[in-house]
Amino acid sequence: MFRVMEIGDGVELSGPNGNINVFLDETEEEGQIHVGGLGDGVDGAHLPITGDTYNKKERIKDVGYGYDGVEWNGDVWVVHKEAVTELVSVLLIAGCDVTVSEDAVANDGDWGILQEEVEADEDEECEYKVMVGPKNGCGPVSQSWAEDAAELANFSSVAEFSEKYGIEVLSDEEIMDRFELDEDHPDVVEASSCRE
């Protein structure tokens, strides 16, 4: 999710109330108005608009009421995927704090270079390390656990470490399969590059 911020040399978004230059800043908190994600009764061509929509409905309607603009579907306000930037420009010019989901950026080419940056971020899949050590002093250990243990104990390699202590080292994938672990298990952690 991204907070849409006004900046002088950002990507220019145009709308019925004027133009505004913006960039996207990653955030975990939804803004006053949020565009994108899942919503009740939202078809494939539209995205939900959530948050303080009641007080901003007149501004939302500035985009143009109807299938190609914004509509109230009985449950939630929706915006056509190709009208997201127009809606965002209207709301920012009106002084709203606006956030958008990745899907709100992915489907509207008017985001320009910002769309490419969001797609690049989505392509970077996190790697996981399986940190399974010996159970009750025996049994196989994961490659990631053995690498960390060998480094901490000042061994030059995992092979030297495992030979010294008679430990069987299996790949992280084999350990996950053997012990039926998934990415939510406490022994499966994101690589440090994913947490930066």
C-alpha atoms as a PDB file:
ATOM      1  CA  MET A   1       0.000   0.000   0.000  1.00  0.00           C
ATOM      2  CA  PHE A   2       1.221   3.512  -0.784  1.00  0.00           C
ATOM      3  CA  ARG A   3       0.505   7.013   0.471  1.00  0.00           C
ATOM      4  CA  VAL A   4       0.202   9.429  -2.443  1.00  0.00           C
ATOM      5  CA  MET A   5       2.344  12.468  -1.669  1.00  0.00           C
ATOM      6  CA  GLU A   6       2.500  15.768  -3.518  1.00  0.00           C
ATOM      7  CA  ILE A   7       5.987  16.673  -4.768  1.00  0.00           C
ATOM      8  CA  GLY A   8       7.105  19.252  -7.304  1.00  0.00           C
ATOM      9  CA  ASP A   9       9.112  16.964  -9.567  1.00  0.00           C
ATOM     10  CA  GLY A  10       6.846  13.907  -9.295  1.00  0.00           C
ATOM     11  CA  VAL A  11       4.593  12.291 -11.865  1.00  0.00           C
ATOM     12  CA  GLU A  12       1.844  14.631 -13.033  1.00  0.00           C
ATOM     13  CA  LEU A  13      -1.689  13.364 -12.487  1.00  0.00           C
ATOM     14  CA  SER A  14      -4.476  15.245 -14.208  1.00  0.00           C
ATOM     15  CA  GLY A  15      -8.126  15.437 -13.240  1.00  0.00           C
ATOM     16  CA  PRO A  16     -11.204  17.608 -13.666  1.00  0.00           C
ATOM     17  CA  ASN A  17     -10.076  19.977 -10.877  1.00  0.00           C
ATOM     18  CA  GLY A  18      -6.521  20.473 -12.111  1.00  0.00           C
ATOM     19  CA  ASN A  19      -3.149  18.742 -12.175  1.00  0.00           C
ATOM     20  CA  ILE A  20      -0.899  17.686  -9.327  1.00  0.00           C
ATOM     21  CA  ASN A  21       2.602  16.159  -9.183  1.00  0.00           C
ATOM     22  CA  VAL A  22       2.966  13.123  -6.915  1.00  0.00           C
ATOM     23  CA  PHE A  23       5.131  10.245  -5.763  1.00  0.00           C
ATOM     24  CA  LEU A  24       4.261   7.076  -3.847  1.00  0.00           C
ATOM     25  CA  ASP A  25       5.527   6.342  -0.333  1.00  0.00           C
ATOM     26  CA  GLU A  26       5.117   2.837   1.109  1.00  0.00           C
ATOM     27  CA  THR A  27       2.919   2.720   4.198  1.00  0.00           C
ATOM     28  CA  GLU A  28       1.046   0.215   6.347  1.00  0.00           C
ATOM     29  CA  GLU A  29      -1.672   2.642   7.456  1.00  0.00           C
ATOM     30  CA  GLU A  30      -4.633   3.564   5.283  1.00  0.00           C
ATOM     31  CA  GLY A  31      -5.215   7.231   4.652  1.00  0.00           C
ATOM     32  CA  GLN A  32      -8.387   9.257   5.079  1.00  0.00           C
ATOM     33  CA  ILE A  33      -9.449   7.834   1.716  1.00  0.00           C
ATOM     34  CA  HIS A  34      -8.126   4.501   0.408  1.00  0.00           C
ATOM     35  CA  VAL A  35      -8.422   3.258  -3.175  1.00  0.00           C
ATOM     36  CA  GLY A  36      -8.032  -0.409  -4.090  1.00  0.00           C
ATOM     37  CA  GLY A  37      -8.148  -3.818  -2.493  1.00  0.00           C
ATOM     38  CA  LEU A  38     -11.309  -5.873  -2.052  1.00  0.00           C
ATOM     39  CA  GLY A  39     -14.832  -4.558  -1.617  1.00  0.00           C
ATOM     40  CA  ASP A  40     -18.392  -5.864  -1.443  1.00  0.00           C
ATOM     41  CA  GLY A  41     -20.005  -6.254  -4.843  1.00  0.00           C
ATOM     42  CA  VAL A  42     -17.044  -4.779  -6.731  1.00  0.00           C
ATOM     43  CA  ASP A  43     -16.744  -6.092 -10.286  1.00  0.00           C
ATOM     44  CA  GLY A  44     -13.482  -6.731 -12.126  1.00  0.00           C
ATOM     45  CA  ALA A  45     -13.407  -3.333 -13.865  1.00  0.00           C
ATOM     46  CA  HIS A  46     -13.634  -1.303 -10.650  1.00  0.00           C
ATOM     47  CA  LEU A  47     -11.852  -0.794  -7.344  1.00  0.00           C
ATOM     48  CA  PRO A  48     -13.410   0.140  -3.993  1.00  0.00           C
ATOM     49  CA  ILE A  49     -13.015   3.586  -2.436  1.00  0.00           C
ATOM     50  CA  THR A  50     -13.059   3.323   1.351  1.00  0.00           C
ATOM     51  CA  GLY A  51     -12.510   5.535   4.370  1.00  0.00           C
ATOM     52  CA  ASP A  52     -14.164   8.923   4.890  1.00  0.00           C
ATOM     53  CA  THR A  53     -16.148   8.698   1.672  1.00  0.00           C
ATOM     54  CA  TYR A  54     -19.361  10.139   3.109  1.00  0.00           C
ATOM     55  CA  ASN A  55     -17.804  13.537   3.768  1.00  0.00           C
ATOM     56  CA  LYS A  56     -15.926  13.496   0.451  1.00  0.00           C
ATOM     57  CA  LYS A  57     -18.657  12.119  -1.820  1.00  0.00           C
ATOM     58  CA  GLU A  58     -19.121  15.442  -3.669  1.00  0.00           C
ATOM     59  CA  ARG A  59     -15.392  15.533  -4.473  1.00  0.00           C
ATOM     60  CA  ILE A  60     -15.469  11.844  -5.466  1.00  0.00           C
ATOM     61  CA  LYS A  61     -18.321  12.599  -7.887  1.00  0.00           C
ATOM     62  CA  ASP A  62     -16.165  15.300  -9.543  1.00  0.00           C
ATOM     63  CA  VAL A  63     -14.527  12.447 -11.464  1.00  0.00           C
ATOM     64  CA  GLY A  64     -17.820  11.838 -13.243  1.00  0.00           C
ATOM     65  CA  TYR A  65     -20.619   9.570 -12.110  1.00  0.00           C
ATOM     66  CA  GLY A  66     -21.047   6.390 -14.130  1.00  0.00           C
ATOM     67  CA  TYR A  67     -19.440   3.147 -15.173  1.00  0.00           C
ATOM     68  CA  ASP A  68     -16.257   4.770 -16.538  1.00  0.00           C
ATOM     69  CA  GLY A  69     -15.863   7.060 -13.519  1.00  0.00           C
ATOM     70  CA  VAL A  70     -17.170   6.558  -9.999  1.00  0.00           C
ATOM     71  CA  GLU A  71     -20.348   4.875  -8.754  1.00  0.00           C
ATOM     72  CA  TRP A  72     -22.085   3.922  -5.529  1.00  0.00           C
ATOM     73  CA  ASN A  73     -22.833   0.190  -5.837  1.00  0.00           C
ATOM     74  CA  GLY A  74     -25.122   0.032  -2.804  1.00  0.00           C
ATOM     75  CA  ASP A  75     -22.313  -1.074  -0.477  1.00  0.00           C
ATOM     76  CA  VAL A  76     -19.287   1.017  -1.339  1.00  0.00           C
ATOM     77  CA  TRP A  77     -18.073   3.717  -3.693  1.00  0.00           C
ATOM     78  CA  VAL A  78     -16.149   2.294  -6.646  1.00  0.00           C
ATOM     79  CA  VAL A  79     -13.887   3.817  -9.288  1.00  0.00           C
ATOM     80  CA  HIS A  80     -13.121   2.449 -12.730  1.00  0.00           C
ATOM     81  CA  LYS A  81      -9.565   1.084 -12.832  1.00  0.00           C
ATOM     82  CA  GLU A  82      -8.625   3.541 -15.582  1.00  0.00           C
ATOM     83  CA  ALA A  83      -9.953   6.554 -13.642  1.00  0.00           C
ATOM     84  CA  VAL A  84      -7.929   6.041 -10.461  1.00  0.00           C
ATOM     85  CA  THR A  85      -5.421   8.812 -11.158  1.00  0.00           C
ATOM     86  CA  GLU A  86      -8.208  11.302 -11.856  1.00  0.00           C
ATOM     87  CA  LEU A  87      -9.823  10.415  -8.520  1.00  0.00           C
ATOM     88  CA  VAL A  88      -6.516  10.679  -6.665  1.00  0.00           C
ATOM     89  CA  SER A  89      -5.769  14.094  -8.166  1.00  0.00           C
ATOM     90  CA  VAL A  90      -9.246  15.366  -7.201  1.00  0.00           C
ATOM     91  CA  LEU A  91      -8.856  14.129  -3.625  1.00  0.00           C
ATOM     92  CA  LEU A  92      -5.321  15.471  -3.171  1.00  0.00           C
ATOM     93  CA  ILE A  93      -6.287  18.888  -4.513  1.00  0.00           C
ATOM     94  CA  ALA A  94      -9.172  18.821  -1.992  1.00  0.00           C
ATOM     95  CA  GLY A  95      -6.614  18.243   0.791  1.00  0.00           C
ATOM     96  CA  CYS A  96      -7.306  14.555   1.485  1.00  0.00           C
ATOM     97  CA  ASP A  97      -4.780  12.071   2.831  1.00  0.00           C
ATOM     98  CA  VAL A  98      -4.938   9.356   0.143  1.00  0.00           C
ATOM     99  CA  THR A  99      -3.526   5.836   0.051  1.00  0.00           C
ATOM    100  CA  VAL A 100      -3.699   3.334  -2.812  1.00  0.00           C
ATOM    101  CA  SER A 101      -3.209  -0.419  -3.063  1.00  0.00           C
ATOM    102  CA  GLU A 102      -0.839  -1.955  -5.604  1.00  0.00           C
ATOM    103  CA  ASP A 103      -3.818  -2.928  -7.766  1.00  0.00           C
ATOM    104  CA  ALA A 104      -4.886   0.721  -7.991  1.00  0.00           C
ATOM    105  CA  VAL A 105      -1.516   1.583  -9.531  1.00  0.00           C
ATOM    106  CA  ALA A 106      -1.120  -1.506 -11.700  1.00  0.00           C
ATOM    107  CA  ASN A 107      -4.190  -0.893 -13.871  1.00  0.00           C
ATOM    108  CA  ASP A 108      -3.919   2.804 -14.744  1.00  0.00           C
ATOM    109  CA  GLY A 109      -1.128   3.760 -17.141  1.00  0.00           C
ATOM    110  CA  ASP A 110      -1.375   7.417 -16.100  1.00  0.00           C
ATOM    111  CA  TRP A 111       0.816   6.574 -13.076  1.00  0.00           C
ATOM    112  CA  GLY A 112       3.724   6.541 -15.545  1.00  0.00           C
ATOM    113  CA  ILE A 113       7.093   5.649 -14.045  1.00  0.00           C
ATOM    114  CA  LEU A 114       5.467   5.061 -10.639  1.00  0.00           C
ATOM    115  CA  GLN A 115       3.627   2.070 -12.112  1.00  0.00           C
ATOM    116  CA  GLU A 116       6.929   0.516 -13.188  1.00  0.00           C
ATOM    117  CA  GLU A 117       8.406   1.021  -9.708  1.00  0.00           C
ATOM    118  CA  VAL A 118       5.436  -0.676  -8.020  1.00  0.00           C
ATOM    119  CA  GLU A 119       5.623  -3.611 -10.457  1.00  0.00           C
ATOM    120  CA  ALA A 120       9.352  -3.945  -9.765  1.00  0.00           C
ATOM    121  CA  ASP A 121       8.683  -4.068  -6.013  1.00  0.00           C
ATOM    122  CA  GLU A 122       6.064  -6.769  -6.497  1.00  0.00           C
ATOM    123  CA  ASP A 123       8.519  -8.871  -8.508  1.00  0.00           C
ATOM    124  CA  GLU A 124      11.024  -8.965  -5.651  1.00  0.00           C
ATOM    125  CA  GLU A 125       9.999 -12.102  -3.827  1.00  0.00           C
ATOM    126  CA  CYS A 126      11.297 -12.547  -0.336  1.00  0.00           C
ATOM    127  CA  GLU A 127      13.596 -15.436   0.350  1.00  0.00           C
ATOM    128  CA  TYR A 128      13.152 -17.463   3.514  1.00  0.00           C
ATOM    129  CA  LYS A 129      15.663 -19.140   5.777  1.00  0.00           C
ATOM    130  CA  VAL A 130      14.732 -22.321   7.593  1.00  0.00           C
ATOM    131  CA  MET A 131      16.341 -22.247  11.044  1.00  0.00           C
ATOM    132  CA  VAL A 132      15.900 -25.830  12.255  1.00  0.00           C
ATOM    133  CA  GLY A 133      18.613 -27.057  14.582  1.00  0.00           C
ATOM    134  CA  PRO A 134      19.150 -30.525  16.071  1.00  0.00           C
ATOM    135  CA  LYS A 135      16.094 -31.872  17.912  1.00  0.00           C
ATOM    136  CA  ASN A 136      17.079 -33.160  21.361  1.00  0.00           C
ATOM    137  CA  GLY A 137      20.722 -33.066  20.297  1.00  0.00           C
ATOM    138  CA  CYS A 138      20.275 -35.169  17.168  1.00  0.00           C
ATOM    139  CA  GLY A 139      18.508 -35.327  13.837  1.00  0.00           C
ATOM    140  CA  PRO A 140      19.059 -33.357  10.644  1.00  0.00           C
ATOM    141  CA  VAL A 141      19.497 -29.589  10.589  1.00  0.00           C
ATOM    142  CA  SER A 142      18.712 -27.067   7.875  1.00  0.00           C
ATOM    143  CA  GLN A 143      21.374 -25.580   5.618  1.00  0.00           C
ATOM    144  CA  SER A 144      20.607 -22.042   6.851  1.00  0.00           C
ATOM    145  CA  TRP A 145      20.880 -23.081  10.517  1.00  0.00           C
ATOM    146  CA  ALA A 146      24.171 -24.881   9.816  1.00  0.00           C
ATOM    147  CA  GLU A 147      25.606 -21.857   7.967  1.00  0.00           C
ATOM    148  CA  ASP A 148      24.818 -19.546  10.879  1.00  0.00           C
ATOM    149  CA  ALA A 149      26.099 -22.044  13.474  1.00  0.00           C
ATOM    150  CA  ALA A 150      29.336 -22.661  11.541  1.00  0.00           C
ATOM    151  CA  GLU A 151      29.943 -18.903  11.257  1.00  0.00           C
ATOM    152  CA  LEU A 152      29.262 -18.320  14.958  1.00  0.00           C
ATOM    153  CA  ALA A 153      31.616 -21.150  15.928  1.00  0.00           C
ATOM    154  CA  ASN A 154      34.343 -19.814  13.579  1.00  0.00           C
ATOM    155  CA  PHE A 155      34.392 -22.810  11.256  1.00  0.00           C
ATOM    156  CA  SER A 156      35.546 -22.176   7.700  1.00  0.00           C
ATOM    157  CA  SER A 157      32.690 -24.170   6.165  1.00  0.00           C
ATOM    158  CA  VAL A 158      29.439 -25.969   6.911  1.00  0.00           C
ATOM    159  CA  ALA A 159      31.110 -29.250   5.905  1.00  0.00           C
ATOM    160  CA  GLU A 160      33.846 -28.801   8.508  1.00  0.00           C
ATOM    161  CA  PHE A 161      31.272 -27.910  11.168  1.00  0.00           C
ATOM    162  CA  SER A 162      28.965 -30.831  10.369  1.00  0.00           C
ATOM    163  CA  GLU A 163      31.878 -33.299  10.278  1.00  0.00           C
ATOM    164  CA  LYS A 164      33.214 -32.107  13.628  1.00  0.00           C
ATOM    165  CA  TYR A 165      29.838 -32.543  15.368  1.00  0.00           C
ATOM    166  CA  GLY A 166      28.473 -35.423  13.271  1.00  0.00           C
ATOM    167  CA  ILE A 167      25.457 -33.411  12.117  1.00  0.00           C
ATOM    168  CA  GLU A 168      23.403 -34.259   9.032  1.00  0.00           C
ATOM    169  CA  VAL A 169      22.718 -31.118   7.008  1.00  0.00           C
ATOM    170  CA  LEU A 170      19.759 -31.038   4.619  1.00  0.00           C
ATOM    171  CA  SER A 171      18.635 -28.253   2.304  1.00  0.00           C
ATOM    172  CA  ASP A 172      16.065 -25.806   3.677  1.00  0.00           C
ATOM    173  CA  GLU A 173      13.495 -27.218   1.228  1.00  0.00           C
ATOM    174  CA  GLU A 174      14.094 -30.802   2.382  1.00  0.00           C
ATOM    175  CA  ILE A 175      13.710 -29.762   6.027  1.00  0.00           C
ATOM    176  CA  MET A 176      10.465 -27.917   5.242  1.00  0.00           C
ATOM    177  CA  ASP A 177       9.126 -31.029   3.510  1.00  0.00           C
ATOM    178  CA  ARG A 178      10.286 -33.456   6.206  1.00  0.00           C
ATOM    179  CA  PHE A 179       8.841 -31.459   9.109  1.00  0.00           C
ATOM    180  CA  GLU A 180       5.872 -30.110   7.098  1.00  0.00           C
ATOM    181  CA  LEU A 181       6.775 -26.479   7.764  1.00  0.00           C
ATOM    182  CA  ASP A 182       5.317 -23.477   5.975  1.00  0.00           C
ATOM    183  CA  GLU A 183       6.266 -19.810   5.796  1.00  0.00           C
ATOM    184  CA  ASP A 184       4.233 -19.059   8.941  1.00  0.00           C
ATOM    185  CA  HIS A 185       6.215 -21.480  11.112  1.00  0.00           C
ATOM    186  CA  PRO A 186       8.474 -19.731  13.679  1.00  0.00           C
ATOM    187  CA  ASP A 187      11.538 -21.620  12.365  1.00  0.00           C
ATOM    188  CA  VAL A 188      11.002 -20.140   8.878  1.00  0.00           C
ATOM    189  CA  VAL A 189      12.202 -16.543   8.803  1.00  0.00           C
ATOM    190  CA  GLU A 190      12.516 -13.914   6.091  1.00  0.00           C
ATOM    191  CA  ALA A 191      16.016 -13.288   4.841  1.00  0.00           C
ATOM    192  CA  SER A 192      17.446 -10.022   6.155  1.00  0.00           C
ATOM    193  CA  SER A 193      17.177  -8.419   2.673  1.00  0.00           C
ATOM    194  CA  CYS A 194      13.376  -8.661   2.915  1.00  0.00           C
ATOM    195  CA  ARG A 195      13.257  -6.758   6.181  1.00  0.00           C
ATOM    196  CA  GLU A 196      15.249  -3.729   5.044  1.00  0.00           C
END
